[in-house]
């Protein structure tokens, strides 16, 4: 018998009819039945045969219904387990994808650091060769030391900047608690990195809030913050706030040029997506 609510209702009606036939004969209510009442009823053999037959028929239907219900429960349980396994596999795939993205970012950072180190080493070798060729006069030695110091300083600054990001558009008020402001922005990004330092930077201007420079404990943490920066447009308290990398004055000027150019491309080629990646404007056709 199929395990459906309709079948169960039919079975209940049949059992009620069977009960009614017995109650009518014995004329008792509830559990008030005794051996004496049954003997006093003077049942015929034919009545007993009918009752036994009906009882056996109801028993068989009940048994079949219960077995079918158990089978369906086991099937449902199996589907639930398979669904849970599928969710676990999807979570594992998501973690693998995230690890691959982080590995790609680390590789890019390592390449950038290696490039800076190579530039420093090239500068050192070039300067040292000039010193040897010219006899290493006092003035030349000072120039070499100055160039070396500048190259090392540039490399260190580049490494430090990779652990920073900037918060723009956040209202500035007297006696504000900058760490609390930064914590609120990070909360809207669903990120909880370790903040090493955070402060307003730049000269104050009337009606224009200064950006906030934030230093985190690792490059990976900065990458996650920048990747989730788009979530701020859905925030109630930080909708007018945006986040960007820590760029030098020259880098900001170059980036602004790219932004202006990209806006022109967006107007002239609306059928494409335009975005800036690694200092270059890229475009893809909208699907």
C-alpha atoms as a PDB file:
ATOM      1  CA  UNK A   1       0.000   0.000   0.000  1.00  0.00           C
ATOM      2  CA  UNK A   2       1.305   3.461  -0.914  1.00  0.00           C
ATOM      3  CA  UNK A   3       2.216   5.605   2.060  1.00  0.00           C
ATOM      4  CA  UNK A   4       0.004   8.646   1.396  1.00  0.00           C
ATOM      5  CA  UNK A   5      -2.261  10.738   3.606  1.00  0.00           C
ATOM      6  CA  UNK A   6      -5.273   9.722   1.512  1.00  0.00           C
ATOM      7  CA  UNK A   7      -4.526   6.006   2.018  1.00  0.00           C
ATOM      8  CA  UNK A   8      -4.078   6.583   5.743  1.00  0.00           C
ATOM      9  CA  UNK A   9      -7.500   8.302   5.977  1.00  0.00           C
ATOM     10  CA  UNK A  10      -9.141   5.394   4.111  1.00  0.00           C
ATOM     11  CA  UNK A  11      -7.501   2.911   6.486  1.00  0.00           C
ATOM     12  CA  UNK A  12      -8.695   4.882   9.525  1.00  0.00           C
ATOM     13  CA  UNK A  13     -12.285   4.897   8.182  1.00  0.00           C
ATOM     14  CA  UNK A  14     -12.144   1.130   7.676  1.00  0.00           C
ATOM     15  CA  UNK A  15     -10.842   0.578  11.221  1.00  0.00           C
ATOM     16  CA  UNK A  16     -13.588   2.862  12.632  1.00  0.00           C
ATOM     17  CA  UNK A  17     -16.259   0.859  10.782  1.00  0.00           C
ATOM     18  CA  UNK A  18     -14.816  -2.369  12.182  1.00  0.00           C
ATOM     19  CA  UNK A  19     -14.836  -0.896  15.700  1.00  0.00           C
ATOM     20  CA  UNK A  20     -18.427   0.283  15.285  1.00  0.00           C
ATOM     21  CA  UNK A  21     -19.586  -3.217  14.314  1.00  0.00           C
ATOM     22  CA  UNK A  22     -18.004  -4.645  17.467  1.00  0.00           C
ATOM     23  CA  UNK A  23     -19.282  -1.857  19.767  1.00  0.00           C
ATOM     24  CA  UNK A  24     -22.800  -2.263  18.382  1.00  0.00           C
ATOM     25  CA  UNK A  25     -22.812  -5.960  19.174  1.00  0.00           C
ATOM     26  CA  UNK A  26     -21.296  -5.711  22.674  1.00  0.00           C
ATOM     27  CA  UNK A  27     -22.850  -2.340  23.471  1.00  0.00           C
ATOM     28  CA  UNK A  28     -19.877  -1.021  25.460  1.00  0.00           C
ATOM     29  CA  UNK A  29     -17.868   2.150  25.384  1.00  0.00           C
ATOM     30  CA  UNK A  30     -14.130   2.741  25.588  1.00  0.00           C
ATOM     31  CA  UNK A  31     -12.137  -0.009  27.302  1.00  0.00           C
ATOM     32  CA  UNK A  32     -15.113  -1.363  29.252  1.00  0.00           C
ATOM     33  CA  UNK A  33     -15.032  -4.889  27.808  1.00  0.00           C
ATOM     34  CA  UNK A  34     -14.988  -8.147  29.767  1.00  0.00           C
ATOM     35  CA  UNK A  35     -14.988 -11.861  29.000  1.00  0.00           C
ATOM     36  CA  UNK A  36     -18.474 -12.101  30.493  1.00  0.00           C
ATOM     37  CA  UNK A  37     -19.835  -9.491  28.038  1.00  0.00           C
ATOM     38  CA  UNK A  38     -18.317 -11.317  25.096  1.00  0.00           C
ATOM     39  CA  UNK A  39     -19.833 -14.657  26.238  1.00  0.00           C
ATOM     40  CA  UNK A  40     -23.165 -12.966  26.865  1.00  0.00           C
ATOM     41  CA  UNK A  41     -23.242 -11.645  23.322  1.00  0.00           C
ATOM     42  CA  UNK A  42     -23.809 -15.212  22.018  1.00  0.00           C
ATOM     43  CA  UNK A  43     -21.824 -14.727  18.835  1.00  0.00           C
ATOM     44  CA  UNK A  44     -22.410 -17.032  15.924  1.00  0.00           C
ATOM     45  CA  UNK A  45     -19.640 -18.757  14.047  1.00  0.00           C
ATOM     46  CA  UNK A  46     -20.388 -16.659  10.980  1.00  0.00           C
ATOM     47  CA  UNK A  47     -20.002 -13.397  12.934  1.00  0.00           C
ATOM     48  CA  UNK A  48     -16.663 -14.534  14.314  1.00  0.00           C
ATOM     49  CA  UNK A  49     -15.472 -15.495  10.825  1.00  0.00           C
ATOM     50  CA  UNK A  50     -16.465 -12.050   9.496  1.00  0.00           C
ATOM     51  CA  UNK A  51     -14.671 -10.280  12.339  1.00  0.00           C
ATOM     52  CA  UNK A  52     -11.531 -12.348  12.004  1.00  0.00           C
ATOM     53  CA  UNK A  53     -11.510 -11.823   8.236  1.00  0.00           C
ATOM     54  CA  UNK A  54     -11.991  -8.047   8.554  1.00  0.00           C
ATOM     55  CA  UNK A  55      -9.372  -7.847  11.293  1.00  0.00           C
ATOM     56  CA  UNK A  56      -6.848  -9.810   9.163  1.00  0.00           C
ATOM     57  CA  UNK A  57      -7.561  -7.572   6.175  1.00  0.00           C
ATOM     58  CA  UNK A  58      -7.037  -4.394   8.252  1.00  0.00           C
ATOM     59  CA  UNK A  59      -3.902  -5.867   9.803  1.00  0.00           C
ATOM     60  CA  UNK A  60      -2.415  -6.634   6.374  1.00  0.00           C
ATOM     61  CA  UNK A  61      -3.161  -3.111   5.107  1.00  0.00           C
ATOM     62  CA  UNK A  62      -1.705  -1.551   8.260  1.00  0.00           C
ATOM     63  CA  UNK A  63       1.434  -3.670   7.983  1.00  0.00           C
ATOM     64  CA  UNK A  64       1.859  -2.786   4.294  1.00  0.00           C
ATOM     65  CA  UNK A  65       1.296   0.902   5.044  1.00  0.00           C
ATOM     66  CA  UNK A  66       3.884   0.900   7.845  1.00  0.00           C
ATOM     67  CA  UNK A  67       6.481  -0.935   5.745  1.00  0.00           C
ATOM     68  CA  UNK A  68       5.982   1.543   2.917  1.00  0.00           C
ATOM     69  CA  UNK A  69       6.295   4.444   5.389  1.00  0.00           C
ATOM     70  CA  UNK A  70       9.570   3.033   6.741  1.00  0.00           C
ATOM     71  CA  UNK A  71      10.882   2.620   3.186  1.00  0.00           C
ATOM     72  CA  UNK A  72      10.019   6.212   2.337  1.00  0.00           C
ATOM     73  CA  UNK A  73      11.646   7.459   5.540  1.00  0.00           C
ATOM     74  CA  UNK A  74      14.823   5.563   4.712  1.00  0.00           C
ATOM     75  CA  UNK A  75      14.782   6.993   1.178  1.00  0.00           C
ATOM     76  CA  UNK A  76      14.263  10.519   2.546  1.00  0.00           C
ATOM     77  CA  UNK A  77      17.087  10.007   5.048  1.00  0.00           C
ATOM     78  CA  UNK A  78      19.349   8.827   2.226  1.00  0.00           C
ATOM     79  CA  UNK A  79      18.502  11.936   0.197  1.00  0.00           C
ATOM     80  CA  UNK A  80      19.256  14.155   3.189  1.00  0.00           C
ATOM     81  CA  UNK A  81      22.651  12.474   3.651  1.00  0.00           C
ATOM     82  CA  UNK A  82      23.444  12.873  -0.063  1.00  0.00           C
ATOM     83  CA  UNK A  83      22.419  16.538   0.122  1.00  0.00           C
ATOM     84  CA  UNK A  84      24.704  17.070   3.113  1.00  0.00           C
ATOM     85  CA  UNK A  85      27.557  15.354   1.284  1.00  0.00           C
ATOM     86  CA  UNK A  86      26.978  17.618  -1.731  1.00  0.00           C
ATOM     87  CA  UNK A  87      27.083  20.704   0.514  1.00  0.00           C
ATOM     88  CA  UNK A  88      30.354  19.487   2.048  1.00  0.00           C
ATOM     89  CA  UNK A  89      31.859  18.961  -1.426  1.00  0.00           C
ATOM     90  CA  UNK A  90      30.763  22.460  -2.470  1.00  0.00           C
ATOM     91  CA  UNK A  91      32.339  23.917   0.667  1.00  0.00           C
ATOM     92  CA  UNK A  92      35.559  22.026  -0.063  1.00  0.00           C
ATOM     93  CA  UNK A  93      35.556  23.340  -3.657  1.00  0.00           C
ATOM     94  CA  UNK A  94      35.009  26.873  -2.334  1.00  0.00           C
ATOM     95  CA  UNK A  95      37.950  26.539   0.065  1.00  0.00           C
ATOM     96  CA  UNK A  96      40.146  25.195  -2.738  1.00  0.00           C
ATOM     97  CA  UNK A  97      39.145  28.127  -4.968  1.00  0.00           C
ATOM     98  CA  UNK A  98      39.919  30.585  -2.170  1.00  0.00           C
ATOM     99  CA  UNK A  99      43.294  28.935  -1.548  1.00  0.00           C
ATOM    100  CA  UNK A 100      44.085  29.180  -5.262  1.00  0.00           C
ATOM    101  CA  UNK A 101      43.213  32.883  -5.281  1.00  0.00           C
ATOM    102  CA  UNK A 102      45.412  33.491  -2.240  1.00  0.00           C
ATOM    103  CA  UNK A 103      48.240  31.506  -3.819  1.00  0.00           C
ATOM    104  CA  UNK A 104      47.938  33.589  -6.996  1.00  0.00           C
ATOM    105  CA  UNK A 105      48.024  36.803  -4.961  1.00  0.00           C
ATOM    106  CA  UNK A 106      51.051  35.624  -2.966  1.00  0.00           C
ATOM    107  CA  UNK A 107      52.812  34.743  -6.205  1.00  0.00           C
ATOM    108  CA  UNK A 108      52.118  38.229  -7.561  1.00  0.00           C
ATOM    109  CA  UNK A 109      53.419  39.830  -4.360  1.00  0.00           C
ATOM    110  CA  UNK A 110      56.547  37.689  -4.448  1.00  0.00           C
ATOM    111  CA  UNK A 111      57.155  38.696  -8.056  1.00  0.00           C
ATOM    112  CA  UNK A 112      56.783  42.375  -7.144  1.00  0.00           C
ATOM    113  CA  UNK A 113      59.170  42.011  -4.204  1.00  0.00           C
ATOM    114  CA  UNK A 114      61.647  40.126  -6.382  1.00  0.00           C
ATOM    115  CA  UNK A 115      61.395  42.925  -8.962  1.00  0.00           C
ATOM    116  CA  UNK A 116      62.138  45.558  -6.321  1.00  0.00           C
ATOM    117  CA  UNK A 117      65.032  43.524  -4.943  1.00  0.00           C
ATOM    118  CA  UNK A 118      66.413  43.097  -8.458  1.00  0.00           C
ATOM    119  CA  UNK A 119      66.184  46.854  -9.038  1.00  0.00           C
ATOM    120  CA  UNK A 120      68.047  47.518  -5.791  1.00  0.00           C
ATOM    121  CA  UNK A 121      70.770  45.015  -6.655  1.00  0.00           C
ATOM    122  CA  UNK A 122      71.105  46.484 -10.163  1.00  0.00           C
ATOM    123  CA  UNK A 123      71.410  49.984  -8.711  1.00  0.00           C
ATOM    124  CA  UNK A 124      74.065  48.814  -6.244  1.00  0.00           C
ATOM    125  CA  UNK A 125      76.118  47.050  -8.929  1.00  0.00           C
ATOM    126  CA  UNK A 126      75.827  50.022 -11.315  1.00  0.00           C
ATOM    127  CA  UNK A 127      76.845  52.540  -8.691  1.00  0.00           C
ATOM    128  CA  UNK A 128      79.713  50.378  -7.437  1.00  0.00           C
ATOM    129  CA  UNK A 129      81.015  49.951 -10.993  1.00  0.00           C
ATOM    130  CA  UNK A 130      81.038  53.711 -11.443  1.00  0.00           C
ATOM    131  CA  UNK A 131      82.963  54.146  -8.214  1.00  0.00           C
ATOM    132  CA  UNK A 132      85.594  51.610  -9.261  1.00  0.00           C
ATOM    133  CA  UNK A 133      85.905  53.086 -12.760  1.00  0.00           C
ATOM    134  CA  UNK A 134      86.361  56.668 -11.558  1.00  0.00           C
ATOM    135  CA  UNK A 135      88.727  55.957  -8.746  1.00  0.00           C
ATOM    136  CA  UNK A 136      86.170  56.268  -5.950  1.00  0.00           C
ATOM    137  CA  UNK A 137      86.654  59.950  -5.109  1.00  0.00           C
ATOM    138  CA  UNK A 138      85.156  61.327  -1.906  1.00  0.00           C
ATOM    139  CA  UNK A 139      82.277  63.039  -3.681  1.00  0.00           C
ATOM    140  CA  UNK A 140      81.510  59.917  -5.685  1.00  0.00           C
ATOM    141  CA  UNK A 141      81.403  57.794  -2.537  1.00  0.00           C
ATOM    142  CA  UNK A 142      78.846  60.165  -1.032  1.00  0.00           C
ATOM    143  CA  UNK A 143      76.722  59.948  -4.224  1.00  0.00           C
ATOM    144  CA  UNK A 144      76.920  56.147  -4.143  1.00  0.00           C
ATOM    145  CA  UNK A 145      75.873  55.994  -0.510  1.00  0.00           C
ATOM    146  CA  UNK A 146      72.976  58.385  -1.187  1.00  0.00           C
ATOM    147  CA  UNK A 147      71.722  56.309  -4.142  1.00  0.00           C
ATOM    148  CA  UNK A 148      72.025  53.091  -2.165  1.00  0.00           C
ATOM    149  CA  UNK A 149      70.157  54.586   0.778  1.00  0.00           C
ATOM    150  CA  UNK A 150      67.404  55.884  -1.525  1.00  0.00           C
ATOM    151  CA  UNK A 151      67.018  52.503  -3.275  1.00  0.00           C
ATOM    152  CA  UNK A 152      66.785  50.613   0.025  1.00  0.00           C
ATOM    153  CA  UNK A 153      64.341  53.178   1.399  1.00  0.00           C
ATOM    154  CA  UNK A 154      62.152  52.796  -1.707  1.00  0.00           C
ATOM    155  CA  UNK A 155      62.139  48.995  -1.409  1.00  0.00           C
ATOM    156  CA  UNK A 156      61.193  49.102   2.281  1.00  0.00           C
ATOM    157  CA  UNK A 157      58.445  51.658   1.627  1.00  0.00           C
ATOM    158  CA  UNK A 158      56.987  49.475  -1.153  1.00  0.00           C
ATOM    159  CA  UNK A 159      56.908  46.459   1.157  1.00  0.00           C
ATOM    160  CA  UNK A 160      55.212  48.451   3.943  1.00  0.00           C
ATOM    161  CA  UNK A 161      52.579  49.873   1.580  1.00  0.00           C
ATOM    162  CA  UNK A 162      51.449  46.391   0.583  1.00  0.00           C
ATOM    163  CA  UNK A 163      50.133  45.965   4.139  1.00  0.00           C
ATOM    164  CA  UNK A 164      48.120  49.200   3.978  1.00  0.00           C
ATOM    165  CA  UNK A 165      44.802  50.275   2.534  1.00  0.00           C
ATOM    166  CA  UNK A 166      42.946  53.600   2.489  1.00  0.00           C
ATOM    167  CA  UNK A 167      39.390  54.487   3.567  1.00  0.00           C
ATOM    168  CA  UNK A 168      37.878  57.463   1.722  1.00  0.00           C
ATOM    169  CA  UNK A 169      34.680  59.465   2.271  1.00  0.00           C
ATOM    170  CA  UNK A 170      34.250  58.740   5.989  1.00  0.00           C
ATOM    171  CA  UNK A 171      32.961  61.835   7.813  1.00  0.00           C
ATOM    172  CA  UNK A 172      35.574  63.492  10.058  1.00  0.00           C
ATOM    173  CA  UNK A 173      34.534  64.957  13.407  1.00  0.00           C
ATOM    174  CA  UNK A 174      36.536  66.405  16.340  1.00  0.00           C
ATOM    175  CA  UNK A 175      37.682  63.958  19.016  1.00  0.00           C
ATOM    176  CA  UNK A 176      36.649  60.980  16.868  1.00  0.00           C
ATOM    177  CA  UNK A 177      37.743  57.426  17.658  1.00  0.00           C
ATOM    178  CA  UNK A 178      39.453  56.319  14.430  1.00  0.00           C
ATOM    179  CA  UNK A 179      39.924  52.627  15.479  1.00  0.00           C
ATOM    180  CA  UNK A 180      36.171  52.376  16.138  1.00  0.00           C
ATOM    181  CA  UNK A 181      35.430  53.884  12.706  1.00  0.00           C
ATOM    182  CA  UNK A 182      37.771  51.374  11.040  1.00  0.00           C
ATOM    183  CA  UNK A 183      36.226  48.482  12.993  1.00  0.00           C
ATOM    184  CA  UNK A 184      32.746  49.486  11.751  1.00  0.00           C
ATOM    185  CA  UNK A 185      33.901  49.533   8.124  1.00  0.00           C
ATOM    186  CA  UNK A 186      35.598  46.135   8.471  1.00  0.00           C
ATOM    187  CA  UNK A 187      32.465  44.702  10.088  1.00  0.00           C
ATOM    188  CA  UNK A 188      30.442  45.638   6.984  1.00  0.00           C
ATOM    189  CA  UNK A 189      33.031  43.698   4.938  1.00  0.00           C
ATOM    190  CA  UNK A 190      32.686  40.601   7.176  1.00  0.00           C
ATOM    191  CA  UNK A 191      36.414  40.844   7.892  1.00  0.00           C
ATOM    192  CA  UNK A 192      38.203  40.724  11.274  1.00  0.00           C
ATOM    193  CA  UNK A 193      41.917  41.290  10.533  1.00  0.00           C
ATOM    194  CA  UNK A 194      44.446  42.474  13.125  1.00  0.00           C
ATOM    195  CA  UNK A 195      44.786  46.236  12.738  1.00  0.00           C
ATOM    196  CA  UNK A 196      48.344  47.362  13.502  1.00  0.00           C
ATOM    197  CA  UNK A 197      47.762  51.095  13.056  1.00  0.00           C
ATOM    198  CA  UNK A 198      45.120  53.473  11.710  1.00  0.00           C
ATOM    199  CA  UNK A 199      45.100  57.275  11.422  1.00  0.00           C
ATOM    200  CA  UNK A 200      43.859  60.190   9.332  1.00  0.00           C
ATOM    201  CA  UNK A 201      46.414  61.438   6.794  1.00  0.00           C
ATOM    202  CA  UNK A 202      46.847  64.609   4.775  1.00  0.00           C
ATOM    203  CA  UNK A 203      46.042  68.270   5.403  1.00  0.00           C
ATOM    204  CA  UNK A 204      42.615  69.223   6.763  1.00  0.00           C
ATOM    205  CA  UNK A 205      40.248  71.032   4.389  1.00  0.00           C
ATOM    206  CA  UNK A 206      36.879  72.589   5.212  1.00  0.00           C
ATOM    207  CA  UNK A 207      34.058  70.223   4.276  1.00  0.00           C
ATOM    208  CA  UNK A 208      36.390  67.509   2.979  1.00  0.00           C
ATOM    209  CA  UNK A 209      37.203  64.558   5.247  1.00  0.00           C
ATOM    210  CA  UNK A 210      40.763  63.308   5.226  1.00  0.00           C
ATOM    211  CA  UNK A 211      41.312  59.658   4.225  1.00  0.00           C
ATOM    212  CA  UNK A 212      42.171  57.048   6.845  1.00  0.00           C
ATOM    213  CA  UNK A 213      45.319  54.972   6.370  1.00  0.00           C
ATOM    214  CA  UNK A 214      45.019  51.470   7.875  1.00  0.00           C
ATOM    215  CA  UNK A 215      47.939  49.071   8.369  1.00  0.00           C
ATOM    216  CA  UNK A 216      47.158  45.367   8.833  1.00  0.00           C
ATOM    217  CA  UNK A 217      49.372  42.529   9.995  1.00  0.00           C
ATOM    218  CA  UNK A 218      49.675  40.795   6.622  1.00  0.00           C
ATOM    219  CA  UNK A 219      49.413  41.300   2.862  1.00  0.00           C
ATOM    220  CA  UNK A 220      46.773  38.543   2.650  1.00  0.00           C
ATOM    221  CA  UNK A 221      44.517  40.439   5.065  1.00  0.00           C
ATOM    222  CA  UNK A 222      44.749  43.566   2.871  1.00  0.00           C
ATOM    223  CA  UNK A 223      43.921  41.471  -0.209  1.00  0.00           C
ATOM    224  CA  UNK A 224      40.739  40.148   1.455  1.00  0.00           C
ATOM    225  CA  UNK A 225      39.654  43.659   2.480  1.00  0.00           C
ATOM    226  CA  UNK A 226      40.179  45.073  -1.033  1.00  0.00           C
ATOM    227  CA  UNK A 227      38.417  42.084  -2.586  1.00  0.00           C
ATOM    228  CA  UNK A 228      35.306  42.622  -0.428  1.00  0.00           C
ATOM    229  CA  UNK A 229      35.305  46.445  -0.699  1.00  0.00           C
ATOM    230  CA  UNK A 230      32.329  46.271  -3.100  1.00  0.00           C
ATOM    231  CA  UNK A 231      30.116  45.154  -0.185  1.00  0.00           C
ATOM    232  CA  UNK A 232      30.119  48.708   1.188  1.00  0.00           C
ATOM    233  CA  UNK A 233      27.625  49.857  -1.468  1.00  0.00           C
ATOM    234  CA  UNK A 234      25.021  47.678   0.304  1.00  0.00           C
ATOM    235  CA  UNK A 235      25.848  49.112   3.744  1.00  0.00           C
ATOM    236  CA  UNK A 236      23.511  51.546   5.505  1.00  0.00           C
ATOM    237  CA  UNK A 237      26.211  53.408   7.464  1.00  0.00           C
ATOM    238  CA  UNK A 238      29.088  53.179   4.954  1.00  0.00           C
ATOM    239  CA  UNK A 239      27.333  53.478   1.586  1.00  0.00           C
ATOM    240  CA  UNK A 240      29.282  56.663   0.732  1.00  0.00           C
ATOM    241  CA  UNK A 241      32.571  55.130   1.877  1.00  0.00           C
ATOM    242  CA  UNK A 242      35.013  53.440  -0.477  1.00  0.00           C
ATOM    243  CA  UNK A 243      38.294  51.612  -0.038  1.00  0.00           C
ATOM    244  CA  UNK A 244      41.437  51.593  -2.166  1.00  0.00           C
ATOM    245  CA  UNK A 245      45.116  50.570  -2.041  1.00  0.00           C
ATOM    246  CA  UNK A 246      47.740  52.783  -0.424  1.00  0.00           C
ATOM    247  CA  UNK A 247      49.197  54.600  -3.450  1.00  0.00           C
ATOM    248  CA  UNK A 248      51.937  57.229  -3.685  1.00  0.00           C
ATOM    249  CA  UNK A 249      51.193  60.683  -5.085  1.00  0.00           C
ATOM    250  CA  UNK A 250      52.548  59.645  -8.496  1.00  0.00           C
ATOM    251  CA  UNK A 251      50.567  56.386  -8.446  1.00  0.00           C
ATOM    252  CA  UNK A 252      47.352  58.248  -7.544  1.00  0.00           C
ATOM    253  CA  UNK A 253      47.874  60.660 -10.428  1.00  0.00           C
ATOM    254  CA  UNK A 254      48.429  57.764 -12.839  1.00  0.00           C
ATOM    255  CA  UNK A 255      45.393  55.911 -11.455  1.00  0.00           C
ATOM    256  CA  UNK A 256      43.190  58.998 -11.863  1.00  0.00           C
ATOM    257  CA  UNK A 257      44.222  59.185 -15.524  1.00  0.00           C
ATOM    258  CA  UNK A 258      43.190  55.557 -15.964  1.00  0.00           C
ATOM    259  CA  UNK A 259      39.844  56.212 -14.267  1.00  0.00           C
ATOM    260  CA  UNK A 260      39.110  59.156 -16.577  1.00  0.00           C
ATOM    261  CA  UNK A 261      40.038  57.069 -19.603  1.00  0.00           C
ATOM    262  CA  UNK A 262      37.915  54.147 -18.378  1.00  0.00           C
ATOM    263  CA  UNK A 263      34.863  56.407 -17.921  1.00  0.00           C
ATOM    264  CA  UNK A 264      35.242  57.527 -21.533  1.00  0.00           C
ATOM    265  CA  UNK A 265      35.422  53.886 -22.655  1.00  0.00           C
ATOM    266  CA  UNK A 266      32.315  53.065 -20.583  1.00  0.00           C
ATOM    267  CA  UNK A 267      30.420  55.834 -22.379  1.00  0.00           C
ATOM    268  CA  UNK A 268      31.680  54.907 -25.854  1.00  0.00           C
ATOM    269  CA  UNK A 269      31.473  51.107 -25.424  1.00  0.00           C
ATOM    270  CA  UNK A 270      28.483  50.371 -23.137  1.00  0.00           C
ATOM    271  CA  UNK A 271      28.271  46.800 -24.437  1.00  0.00           C
ATOM    272  CA  UNK A 272      31.449  45.941 -22.501  1.00  0.00           C
ATOM    273  CA  UNK A 273      32.572  45.739 -18.881  1.00  0.00           C
ATOM    274  CA  UNK A 274      35.632  47.912 -18.213  1.00  0.00           C
ATOM    275  CA  UNK A 275      37.894  47.553 -15.176  1.00  0.00           C
ATOM    276  CA  UNK A 276      41.403  48.433 -14.013  1.00  0.00           C
ATOM    277  CA  UNK A 277      43.757  45.610 -13.087  1.00  0.00           C
ATOM    278  CA  UNK A 278      47.462  45.999 -12.332  1.00  0.00           C
ATOM    279  CA  UNK A 279      47.630  49.451 -13.858  1.00  0.00           C
ATOM    280  CA  UNK A 280      45.943  48.453 -17.132  1.00  0.00           C
ATOM    281  CA  UNK A 281      42.362  48.930 -18.367  1.00  0.00           C
ATOM    282  CA  UNK A 282      40.777  45.638 -19.408  1.00  0.00           C
ATOM    283  CA  UNK A 283      37.451  45.109 -21.200  1.00  0.00           C
ATOM    284  CA  UNK A 284      35.167  42.111 -21.678  1.00  0.00           C
ATOM    285  CA  UNK A 285      31.926  41.818 -23.627  1.00  0.00           C
ATOM    286  CA  UNK A 286      28.779  41.677 -21.451  1.00  0.00           C
ATOM    287  CA  UNK A 287      27.036  38.307 -21.589  1.00  0.00           C
END
